[in-house]
Amino acid sequence: MTVHPTVLSVPAPPGVIPRCAEARTRVVSNTPVNGEYRLLTLDAPAEVLACHPGQFFQLLCPEPDGEHPFLRRPMSIYGYDADAGQLQFLYKVTGAGTRGLATLKPDDGLNVLGPLGQGFTMPENRQNLLLLARGVGLATLAPLARMAQRKGRSLTAICSARRPELAMSVDLFRSYGAEVIVVHDADESATPEALRILIEAQIAKRRIDAFYTCGSARLLRLLQDIGARHGIPGEVAMEQQMACGIGMCQACVRSFHDGDQVVHRRVCREGPVFPISEAIA
């Protein structure tokens, strides 16, 4: 496989190494997980496996019949194993790019650029973690759960979905020692009101001292409100459409709180992970 190390010219924020790699990887498998999601496993070189939970890659998707995805597609890291030389992405087929990904077969090649962005942090004063996400947002939190296990942290994972059979990563989170709670729309256990009661109970029961979430604006607002009342910090991986993925095009700029001011930051470069208190849903 061919590797082209690329030094980024845009100044990086603190904690981000301004280097990524472009590499041609080999497809190991590309299998359905359920009726909506697929798991893509790649053989990848060491240069793209120096990953951190919360980072992402830009994938050069194949062209499905009659369609021409022009830009790379940003994809959160679901799993990475430097010893095995493998990289994993969990994705939902929703447009031309992911339809192209769905056509990949074992031994096909795929060009990737990454790892990119700024990932999650886990300071020593965060010992009892609560993870909350919905759908494919849970994929972004999977490497974080693995890091929590390795650091000996207590972990509660609330997995939200439309229906129970669509809940993602439940067994994976359990394998990392998490107490997993599945909520879904079908029985209304995933409503903001029900989740608020559930989270408040977990704070009391497990002495939660940090929140982590991804994607959903509704879940972000809920954690912001509960966190502000209890003084619990947290981090969110923001979902945003991107073009270049390296901070040059400014296409992924969003507004954030900075004290009493509203500032603008690039999700791909200053993020995609931000403090929950700064994010604007």
C-alpha atoms as a PDB file:
ATOM      1  CA  MET A   1       0.000   0.000   0.000  1.00  0.00           C
ATOM      2  CA  THR A   2       1.211   3.495  -0.827  1.00  0.00           C
ATOM      3  CA  VAL A   3       1.599   6.142   1.854  1.00  0.00           C
ATOM      4  CA  HIS A   4       2.043   9.871   1.239  1.00  0.00           C
ATOM      5  CA  PRO A   5       2.787  11.770   4.476  1.00  0.00           C
ATOM      6  CA  THR A   6       1.375  15.287   4.265  1.00  0.00           C
ATOM      7  CA  VAL A   7       2.372  18.169   6.533  1.00  0.00           C
ATOM      8  CA  LEU A   8      -0.566  20.536   6.996  1.00  0.00           C
ATOM      9  CA  SER A   9       0.178  24.215   6.472  1.00  0.00           C
ATOM     10  CA  VAL A  10      -2.611  25.525   8.736  1.00  0.00           C
ATOM     11  CA  PRO A  11      -1.490  26.282  12.311  1.00  0.00           C
ATOM     12  CA  ALA A  12      -2.885  23.698  14.701  1.00  0.00           C
ATOM     13  CA  PRO A  13      -4.534  24.465  18.032  1.00  0.00           C
ATOM     14  CA  PRO A  14      -2.869  23.227  21.224  1.00  0.00           C
ATOM     15  CA  GLY A  15      -2.899  19.459  21.536  1.00  0.00           C
ATOM     16  CA  VAL A  16      -3.170  18.767  17.815  1.00  0.00           C
ATOM     17  CA  ILE A  17      -0.233  17.389  15.876  1.00  0.00           C
ATOM     18  CA  PRO A  18      -0.227  19.191  12.475  1.00  0.00           C
ATOM     19  CA  ARG A  19       0.445  16.064  10.454  1.00  0.00           C
ATOM     20  CA  CYS A  20      -1.730  13.535   8.734  1.00  0.00           C
ATOM     21  CA  ALA A  21      -1.144  10.937   6.054  1.00  0.00           C
ATOM     22  CA  GLU A  22      -2.789  10.049   2.785  1.00  0.00           C
ATOM     23  CA  ALA A  23      -2.760   6.317   2.235  1.00  0.00           C
ATOM     24  CA  ARG A  24      -4.240   3.648   0.029  1.00  0.00           C
ATOM     25  CA  THR A  25      -5.765   1.042   2.301  1.00  0.00           C
ATOM     26  CA  ARG A  26      -7.116  -2.433   1.532  1.00  0.00           C
ATOM     27  CA  VAL A  27     -10.660  -3.528   2.315  1.00  0.00           C
ATOM     28  CA  VAL A  28     -10.804  -6.511   4.683  1.00  0.00           C
ATOM     29  CA  SER A  29     -14.592  -6.574   5.001  1.00  0.00           C
ATOM     30  CA  ASN A  30     -17.615  -4.345   4.424  1.00  0.00           C
ATOM     31  CA  THR A  31     -20.569  -5.995   6.089  1.00  0.00           C
ATOM     32  CA  PRO A  32     -24.100  -5.002   7.156  1.00  0.00           C
ATOM     33  CA  VAL A  33     -24.551  -4.574  10.909  1.00  0.00           C
ATOM     34  CA  ASN A  34     -28.328  -4.211  10.760  1.00  0.00           C
ATOM     35  CA  GLY A  35     -30.882  -2.852   8.327  1.00  0.00           C
ATOM     36  CA  GLU A  36     -29.290   0.613   8.243  1.00  0.00           C
ATOM     37  CA  TYR A  37     -25.573   0.453   9.082  1.00  0.00           C
ATOM     38  CA  ARG A  38     -22.448  -1.167   7.673  1.00  0.00           C
ATOM     39  CA  LEU A  39     -19.030  -1.848   9.200  1.00  0.00           C
ATOM     40  CA  LEU A  40     -15.991  -1.192   7.003  1.00  0.00           C
ATOM     41  CA  THR A  41     -12.689  -2.756   8.095  1.00  0.00           C
ATOM     42  CA  LEU A  42      -9.459  -1.738   6.366  1.00  0.00           C
ATOM     43  CA  ASP A  43      -5.855  -2.890   6.414  1.00  0.00           C
ATOM     44  CA  ALA A  44      -3.959   0.368   6.940  1.00  0.00           C
ATOM     45  CA  PRO A  45      -0.329   1.459   7.362  1.00  0.00           C
ATOM     46  CA  ALA A  46       1.106   2.687  10.643  1.00  0.00           C
ATOM     47  CA  GLU A  47       1.142   6.292   9.405  1.00  0.00           C
ATOM     48  CA  VAL A  48      -2.652   6.525   9.592  1.00  0.00           C
ATOM     49  CA  LEU A  49      -3.068   4.464  12.761  1.00  0.00           C
ATOM     50  CA  ALA A  50      -1.632   7.014  15.201  1.00  0.00           C
ATOM     51  CA  CYS A  51      -5.225   7.885  16.093  1.00  0.00           C
ATOM     52  CA  HIS A  52      -6.966   9.416  19.096  1.00  0.00           C
ATOM     53  CA  PRO A  53     -10.642   8.906  20.045  1.00  0.00           C
ATOM     54  CA  GLY A  54     -12.848  11.543  18.435  1.00  0.00           C
ATOM     55  CA  GLN A  55     -10.681  12.122  15.374  1.00  0.00           C
ATOM     56  CA  PHE A  56     -11.889  11.446  11.845  1.00  0.00           C
ATOM     57  CA  PHE A  57     -10.742  10.601   8.319  1.00  0.00           C
ATOM     58  CA  GLN A  58     -11.612  11.955   4.903  1.00  0.00           C
ATOM     59  CA  LEU A  59     -12.495   9.035   2.617  1.00  0.00           C
ATOM     60  CA  LEU A  60     -12.233   9.172  -1.175  1.00  0.00           C
ATOM     61  CA  CYS A  61     -15.412   7.260  -1.952  1.00  0.00           C
ATOM     62  CA  PRO A  62     -15.846   5.126  -5.082  1.00  0.00           C
ATOM     63  CA  GLU A  63     -18.336   6.323  -7.670  1.00  0.00           C
ATOM     64  CA  PRO A  64     -21.565   4.305  -7.651  1.00  0.00           C
ATOM     65  CA  ASP A  65     -23.325   3.811 -10.980  1.00  0.00           C
ATOM     66  CA  GLY A  66     -24.519   7.130 -12.376  1.00  0.00           C
ATOM     67  CA  GLU A  67     -23.254   9.191  -9.433  1.00  0.00           C
ATOM     68  CA  HIS A  68     -20.109  11.229  -8.938  1.00  0.00           C
ATOM     69  CA  PRO A  69     -19.312  12.173  -5.322  1.00  0.00           C
ATOM     70  CA  PHE A  70     -16.897  15.055  -5.848  1.00  0.00           C
ATOM     71  CA  LEU A  71     -15.596  15.622  -2.314  1.00  0.00           C
ATOM     72  CA  ARG A  72     -14.114  13.249   0.213  1.00  0.00           C
ATOM     73  CA  ARG A  73     -16.514  12.184   2.957  1.00  0.00           C
ATOM     74  CA  PRO A  74     -15.628  12.798   6.623  1.00  0.00           C
ATOM     75  CA  MET A  75     -15.994   9.673   8.731  1.00  0.00           C
ATOM     76  CA  SER A  76     -15.498   9.274  12.478  1.00  0.00           C
ATOM     77  CA  ILE A  77     -13.171   6.515  13.611  1.00  0.00           C
ATOM     78  CA  TYR A  78     -15.043   3.506  14.989  1.00  0.00           C
ATOM     79  CA  GLY A  79     -12.014   1.392  15.759  1.00  0.00           C
ATOM     80  CA  TYR A  80      -8.262   1.304  15.233  1.00  0.00           C
ATOM     81  CA  ASP A  81      -5.618  -1.278  16.106  1.00  0.00           C
ATOM     82  CA  ALA A  82      -2.019  -0.378  15.358  1.00  0.00           C
ATOM     83  CA  ASP A  83      -0.792  -3.894  16.224  1.00  0.00           C
ATOM     84  CA  ALA A  84      -3.227  -5.534  13.799  1.00  0.00           C
ATOM     85  CA  GLY A  85      -2.799  -2.719  11.268  1.00  0.00           C
ATOM     86  CA  GLN A  86      -6.547  -2.166  10.951  1.00  0.00           C
ATOM     87  CA  LEU A  87      -8.935   0.773  10.849  1.00  0.00           C
ATOM     88  CA  GLN A  88     -12.748   0.618  11.131  1.00  0.00           C
ATOM     89  CA  PHE A  89     -15.641   2.874  10.168  1.00  0.00           C
ATOM     90  CA  LEU A  90     -19.321   2.412  10.972  1.00  0.00           C
ATOM     91  CA  TYR A  91     -21.559   4.197   8.481  1.00  0.00           C
ATOM     92  CA  LYS A  92     -25.126   4.591   7.300  1.00  0.00           C
ATOM     93  CA  VAL A  93     -25.852   4.590   3.566  1.00  0.00           C
ATOM     94  CA  THR A  94     -27.525   7.956   2.970  1.00  0.00           C
ATOM     95  CA  GLY A  95     -26.084   9.540  -0.193  1.00  0.00           C
ATOM     96  CA  ALA A  96     -23.782   9.138  -3.175  1.00  0.00           C
ATOM     97  CA  GLY A  97     -20.606   8.920  -1.090  1.00  0.00           C
ATOM     98  CA  THR A  98     -21.810   6.232   1.290  1.00  0.00           C
ATOM     99  CA  ARG A  99     -23.522   4.382  -1.562  1.00  0.00           C
ATOM    100  CA  GLY A 100     -20.075   4.276  -3.131  1.00  0.00           C
ATOM    101  CA  LEU A 101     -18.570   2.938   0.093  1.00  0.00           C
ATOM    102  CA  ALA A 102     -21.223   0.217   0.164  1.00  0.00           C
ATOM    103  CA  THR A 103     -19.917  -1.135  -3.167  1.00  0.00           C
ATOM    104  CA  LEU A 104     -16.473  -1.902  -1.737  1.00  0.00           C
ATOM    105  CA  LYS A 105     -15.491  -5.577  -1.661  1.00  0.00           C
ATOM    106  CA  PRO A 106     -12.646  -7.420   0.093  1.00  0.00           C
ATOM    107  CA  ASP A 107      -9.235  -6.581  -1.432  1.00  0.00           C
ATOM    108  CA  ASP A 108     -10.541  -3.365  -3.026  1.00  0.00           C
ATOM    109  CA  GLY A 109      -8.454  -0.268  -2.371  1.00  0.00           C
ATOM    110  CA  LEU A 110      -9.636   2.888  -0.603  1.00  0.00           C
ATOM    111  CA  ASN A 111      -7.771   6.190  -0.348  1.00  0.00           C
ATOM    112  CA  VAL A 112      -7.971   7.775   3.119  1.00  0.00           C
ATOM    113  CA  LEU A 113      -6.647  11.017   4.595  1.00  0.00           C
ATOM    114  CA  GLY A 114      -6.113  11.292   8.329  1.00  0.00           C
ATOM    115  CA  PRO A 115      -6.309  11.087  11.219  1.00  0.00           C
ATOM    116  CA  LEU A 116      -7.700  14.619  11.394  1.00  0.00           C
ATOM    117  CA  GLY A 117      -8.988  17.024  14.007  1.00  0.00           C
ATOM    118  CA  GLN A 118      -8.864  17.260  17.755  1.00  0.00           C
ATOM    119  CA  GLY A 119     -10.169  14.344  19.795  1.00  0.00           C
ATOM    120  CA  PHE A 120     -11.581  13.744  23.256  1.00  0.00           C
ATOM    121  CA  THR A 121      -9.701  14.444  26.475  1.00  0.00           C
ATOM    122  CA  MET A 122      -9.959  12.491  29.717  1.00  0.00           C
ATOM    123  CA  PRO A 123      -8.320  14.366  32.614  1.00  0.00           C
ATOM    124  CA  GLU A 124      -7.585  12.533  35.861  1.00  0.00           C
ATOM    125  CA  ASN A 125     -10.430  14.319  37.658  1.00  0.00           C
ATOM    126  CA  ARG A 126     -12.952  12.629  35.362  1.00  0.00           C
ATOM    127  CA  GLN A 127     -13.410   9.166  36.848  1.00  0.00           C
ATOM    128  CA  ASN A 128     -17.116   8.348  36.433  1.00  0.00           C
ATOM    129  CA  LEU A 129     -18.106   8.951  32.840  1.00  0.00           C
ATOM    130  CA  LEU A 130     -21.502   9.015  31.171  1.00  0.00           C
ATOM    131  CA  LEU A 131     -21.671   8.534  27.397  1.00  0.00           C
ATOM    132  CA  LEU A 132     -24.873   9.471  25.591  1.00  0.00           C
ATOM    133  CA  ALA A 133     -25.465   9.262  21.855  1.00  0.00           C
ATOM    134  CA  ARG A 134     -27.913   8.135  19.234  1.00  0.00           C
ATOM    135  CA  GLY A 135     -27.565   6.085  16.063  1.00  0.00           C
ATOM    136  CA  VAL A 136     -24.245   6.359  14.310  1.00  0.00           C
ATOM    137  CA  GLY A 137     -23.156   8.976  16.855  1.00  0.00           C
ATOM    138  CA  LEU A 138     -22.377   6.015  19.100  1.00  0.00           C
ATOM    139  CA  ALA A 139     -19.638   4.989  16.657  1.00  0.00           C
ATOM    140  CA  THR A 140     -17.654   8.106  17.523  1.00  0.00           C
ATOM    141  CA  LEU A 141     -17.807   7.248  21.231  1.00  0.00           C
ATOM    142  CA  ALA A 142     -16.607   3.643  20.826  1.00  0.00           C
ATOM    143  CA  PRO A 143     -12.860   4.465  20.866  1.00  0.00           C
ATOM    144  CA  LEU A 144     -13.492   6.741  23.859  1.00  0.00           C
ATOM    145  CA  ALA A 145     -15.038   3.813  25.757  1.00  0.00           C
ATOM    146  CA  ARG A 146     -11.972   1.741  24.973  1.00  0.00           C
ATOM    147  CA  MET A 147      -9.711   4.505  26.301  1.00  0.00           C
ATOM    148  CA  ALA A 148     -11.838   4.760  29.460  1.00  0.00           C
ATOM    149  CA  GLN A 149     -11.421   1.046  30.098  1.00  0.00           C
ATOM    150  CA  ARG A 150      -7.656   1.250  29.691  1.00  0.00           C
ATOM    151  CA  LYS A 151      -7.514   4.173  32.117  1.00  0.00           C
ATOM    152  CA  GLY A 152      -9.639   2.344  34.677  1.00  0.00           C
ATOM    153  CA  ARG A 153     -12.594   4.745  34.578  1.00  0.00           C
ATOM    154  CA  SER A 154     -16.169   3.874  35.518  1.00  0.00           C
ATOM    155  CA  LEU A 155     -18.363   4.032  32.424  1.00  0.00           C
ATOM    156  CA  THR A 156     -22.103   4.329  31.824  1.00  0.00           C
ATOM    157  CA  ALA A 157     -23.271   4.263  28.190  1.00  0.00           C
ATOM    158  CA  ILE A 158     -26.795   5.316  27.237  1.00  0.00           C
ATOM    159  CA  CYS A 159     -27.485   4.085  23.702  1.00  0.00           C
ATOM    160  CA  SER A 160     -30.440   5.726  21.972  1.00  0.00           C
ATOM    161  CA  ALA A 161     -32.191   4.504  18.832  1.00  0.00           C
ATOM    162  CA  ARG A 162     -35.532   4.605  17.042  1.00  0.00           C
ATOM    163  CA  ARG A 163     -36.086   0.908  17.772  1.00  0.00           C
ATOM    164  CA  PRO A 164     -34.251  -1.541  20.068  1.00  0.00           C
ATOM    165  CA  GLU A 165     -32.773  -3.533  17.172  1.00  0.00           C
ATOM    166  CA  LEU A 166     -31.136  -0.370  15.785  1.00  0.00           C
ATOM    167  CA  ALA A 167     -29.177   0.407  18.967  1.00  0.00           C
ATOM    168  CA  MET A 168     -25.514   0.514  18.015  1.00  0.00           C
ATOM    169  CA  SER A 169     -22.392  -0.733  19.821  1.00  0.00           C
ATOM    170  CA  VAL A 170     -24.229  -2.213  22.818  1.00  0.00           C
ATOM    171  CA  ASP A 171     -22.112  -5.380  23.010  1.00  0.00           C
ATOM    172  CA  LEU A 172     -18.942  -3.420  22.290  1.00  0.00           C
ATOM    173  CA  PHE A 173     -19.570  -1.004  25.158  1.00  0.00           C
ATOM    174  CA  ARG A 174     -20.288  -3.936  27.475  1.00  0.00           C
ATOM    175  CA  SER A 175     -17.004  -5.553  26.450  1.00  0.00           C
ATOM    176  CA  TYR A 176     -15.287  -2.366  27.652  1.00  0.00           C
ATOM    177  CA  GLY A 177     -16.883  -2.759  31.079  1.00  0.00           C
ATOM    178  CA  ALA A 178     -19.637  -0.178  30.636  1.00  0.00           C
ATOM    179  CA  GLU A 179     -23.031  -0.323  32.267  1.00  0.00           C
ATOM    180  CA  VAL A 180     -25.175  -0.084  29.139  1.00  0.00           C
ATOM    181  CA  ILE A 181     -28.693   1.339  29.106  1.00  0.00           C
ATOM    182  CA  VAL A 182     -30.670   1.132  25.844  1.00  0.00           C
ATOM    183  CA  VAL A 183     -33.440   3.674  25.234  1.00  0.00           C
ATOM    184  CA  HIS A 184     -35.590   3.993  22.140  1.00  0.00           C
ATOM    185  CA  ASP A 185     -38.446   5.898  20.589  1.00  0.00           C
ATOM    186  CA  ALA A 186     -40.801   2.923  20.438  1.00  0.00           C
ATOM    187  CA  ASP A 187     -41.477   2.971  24.196  1.00  0.00           C
ATOM    188  CA  GLU A 188     -40.737   6.711  24.632  1.00  0.00           C
ATOM    189  CA  SER A 189     -37.732   5.982  26.862  1.00  0.00           C
ATOM    190  CA  ALA A 190     -35.619   8.153  24.517  1.00  0.00           C
ATOM    191  CA  THR A 191     -37.623  11.360  24.980  1.00  0.00           C
ATOM    192  CA  PRO A 192     -35.785  14.305  26.573  1.00  0.00           C
ATOM    193  CA  GLU A 193     -38.068  14.087  29.612  1.00  0.00           C
ATOM    194  CA  ALA A 194     -37.382  10.379  30.160  1.00  0.00           C
ATOM    195  CA  LEU A 195     -33.661  10.835  29.555  1.00  0.00           C
ATOM    196  CA  ARG A 196     -33.489  13.670  32.065  1.00  0.00           C
ATOM    197  CA  ILE A 197     -34.937  11.432  34.787  1.00  0.00           C
ATOM    198  CA  LEU A 198     -32.577   8.610  33.797  1.00  0.00           C
ATOM    199  CA  ILE A 199     -29.463  10.800  33.769  1.00  0.00           C
ATOM    200  CA  GLU A 200     -30.337  12.419  37.089  1.00  0.00           C
ATOM    201  CA  ALA A 201     -30.660   8.929  38.579  1.00  0.00           C
ATOM    202  CA  GLN A 202     -27.274   7.897  37.167  1.00  0.00           C
ATOM    203  CA  ILE A 203     -25.636  11.019  38.607  1.00  0.00           C
ATOM    204  CA  ALA A 204     -26.925  10.079  42.053  1.00  0.00           C
ATOM    205  CA  LYS A 205     -26.190   6.364  41.714  1.00  0.00           C
ATOM    206  CA  ARG A 206     -22.790   6.396  40.015  1.00  0.00           C
ATOM    207  CA  ARG A 207     -21.482   9.847  40.982  1.00  0.00           C
ATOM    208  CA  ILE A 208     -21.112  10.896  37.343  1.00  0.00           C
ATOM    209  CA  ASP A 209     -18.464  13.615  36.924  1.00  0.00           C
ATOM    210  CA  ALA A 210     -18.188  13.964  33.127  1.00  0.00           C
ATOM    211  CA  PHE A 211     -20.467  13.790  30.087  1.00  0.00           C
ATOM    212  CA  TYR A 212     -19.524  12.784  26.532  1.00  0.00           C
ATOM    213  CA  THR A 213     -21.830  12.915  23.524  1.00  0.00           C
ATOM    214  CA  CYS A 214     -21.866  13.158  19.747  1.00  0.00           C
ATOM    215  CA  GLY A 215     -24.058  14.604  17.052  1.00  0.00           C
ATOM    216  CA  SER A 216     -27.600  15.090  18.310  1.00  0.00           C
ATOM    217  CA  ALA A 217     -28.487  18.723  19.062  1.00  0.00           C
ATOM    218  CA  ARG A 218     -31.332  17.550  21.300  1.00  0.00           C
ATOM    219  CA  LEU A 219     -29.010  15.421  23.432  1.00  0.00           C
ATOM    220  CA  LEU A 220     -26.417  18.191  23.524  1.00  0.00           C
ATOM    221  CA  ARG A 221     -28.940  20.706  24.885  1.00  0.00           C
ATOM    222  CA  LEU A 222     -30.088  18.200  27.491  1.00  0.00           C
ATOM    223  CA  LEU A 223     -26.551  17.541  28.750  1.00  0.00           C
ATOM    224  CA  GLN A 224     -25.753  21.261  28.721  1.00  0.00           C
ATOM    225  CA  ASP A 225     -28.719  21.950  30.989  1.00  0.00           C
ATOM    226  CA  ILE A 226     -28.068  19.063  33.388  1.00  0.00           C
ATOM    227  CA  GLY A 227     -24.330  19.725  33.407  1.00  0.00           C
ATOM    228  CA  ALA A 228     -24.791  23.414  34.217  1.00  0.00           C
ATOM    229  CA  ARG A 229     -27.049  22.619  37.171  1.00  0.00           C
ATOM    230  CA  HIS A 230     -24.737  19.965  38.610  1.00  0.00           C
ATOM    231  CA  GLY A 231     -21.403  21.509  37.640  1.00  0.00           C
ATOM    232  CA  ILE A 232     -20.534  18.504  35.468  1.00  0.00           C
ATOM    233  CA  PRO A 233     -18.201  19.222  32.513  1.00  0.00           C
ATOM    234  CA  GLY A 234     -18.224  17.349  29.262  1.00  0.00           C
ATOM    235  CA  GLU A 235     -17.269  17.162  25.617  1.00  0.00           C
ATOM    236  CA  VAL A 236     -19.199  16.837  22.379  1.00  0.00           C
ATOM    237  CA  ALA A 237     -18.072  15.625  18.967  1.00  0.00           C
ATOM    238  CA  MET A 238     -19.883  17.923  16.541  1.00  0.00           C
ATOM    239  CA  GLU A 239     -21.327  16.608  13.296  1.00  0.00           C
ATOM    240  CA  GLN A 240     -20.887  19.007  10.401  1.00  0.00           C
ATOM    241  CA  GLN A 241     -20.705  18.930   6.624  1.00  0.00           C
ATOM    242  CA  MET A 242     -17.114  19.407   5.489  1.00  0.00           C
ATOM    243  CA  ALA A 243     -15.215  19.922   2.268  1.00  0.00           C
ATOM    244  CA  CYS A 244     -11.431  19.849   2.719  1.00  0.00           C
ATOM    245  CA  GLY A 245     -11.291  18.538   6.300  1.00  0.00           C
ATOM    246  CA  ILE A 246      -8.002  20.323   7.062  1.00  0.00           C
ATOM    247  CA  GLY A 247      -9.160  23.856   7.837  1.00  0.00           C
ATOM    248  CA  MET A 248      -8.399  25.552   4.527  1.00  0.00           C
ATOM    249  CA  CYS A 249     -11.839  26.033   2.969  1.00  0.00           C
ATOM    250  CA  GLN A 250     -13.731  27.343   6.040  1.00  0.00           C
ATOM    251  CA  ALA A 251     -16.842  25.410   4.965  1.00  0.00           C
ATOM    252  CA  CYS A 252     -17.425  23.814   8.376  1.00  0.00           C
ATOM    253  CA  VAL A 253     -17.353  26.968  10.532  1.00  0.00           C
ATOM    254  CA  ARG A 254     -19.851  27.021  13.411  1.00  0.00           C
ATOM    255  CA  SER A 255     -20.645  29.424  16.233  1.00  0.00           C
ATOM    256  CA  PHE A 256     -19.479  28.751  19.798  1.00  0.00           C
ATOM    257  CA  HIS A 257     -19.660  30.473  23.165  1.00  0.00           C
ATOM    258  CA  ASP A 258     -16.412  31.950  24.473  1.00  0.00           C
ATOM    259  CA  GLY A 259     -17.294  33.580  27.778  1.00  0.00           C
ATOM    260  CA  ASP A 260     -19.762  36.356  26.971  1.00  0.00           C
ATOM    261  CA  GLN A 261     -18.869  36.329  23.280  1.00  0.00           C
ATOM    262  CA  VAL A 262     -19.897  34.224  20.321  1.00  0.00           C
ATOM    263  CA  VAL A 263     -16.940  33.137  18.207  1.00  0.00           C
ATOM    264  CA  HIS A 264     -16.559  31.084  15.046  1.00  0.00           C
ATOM    265  CA  ARG A 265     -14.456  27.942  14.840  1.00  0.00           C
ATOM    266  CA  ARG A 266     -13.717  25.320  12.220  1.00  0.00           C
ATOM    267  CA  VAL A 267     -15.192  21.983  13.225  1.00  0.00           C
ATOM    268  CA  CYS A 268     -12.582  20.070  11.231  1.00  0.00           C
ATOM    269  CA  ARG A 269      -9.571  21.820  12.740  1.00  0.00           C
ATOM    270  CA  GLU A 270     -10.386  23.252  16.164  1.00  0.00           C
ATOM    271  CA  GLY A 271     -12.749  20.272  16.616  1.00  0.00           C
ATOM    272  CA  PRO A 272     -14.611  18.123  15.959  1.00  0.00           C
ATOM    273  CA  VAL A 273     -14.525  17.734  19.768  1.00  0.00           C
ATOM    274  CA  PHE A 274     -15.405  20.789  21.866  1.00  0.00           C
ATOM    275  CA  PRO A 275     -16.355  21.454  25.499  1.00  0.00           C
ATOM    276  CA  ILE A 276     -20.088  20.950  25.932  1.00  0.00           C
ATOM    277  CA  SER A 277     -20.377  24.357  27.599  1.00  0.00           C
ATOM    278  CA  GLU A 278     -19.030  26.131  24.497  1.00  0.00           C
ATOM    279  CA  ALA A 279     -21.091  24.371  21.824  1.00  0.00           C
ATOM    280  CA  ILE A 280     -24.199  25.957  20.326  1.00  0.00           C
ATOM    281  CA  ALA A 281     -26.692  23.294  19.269  1.00  0.00           C
END
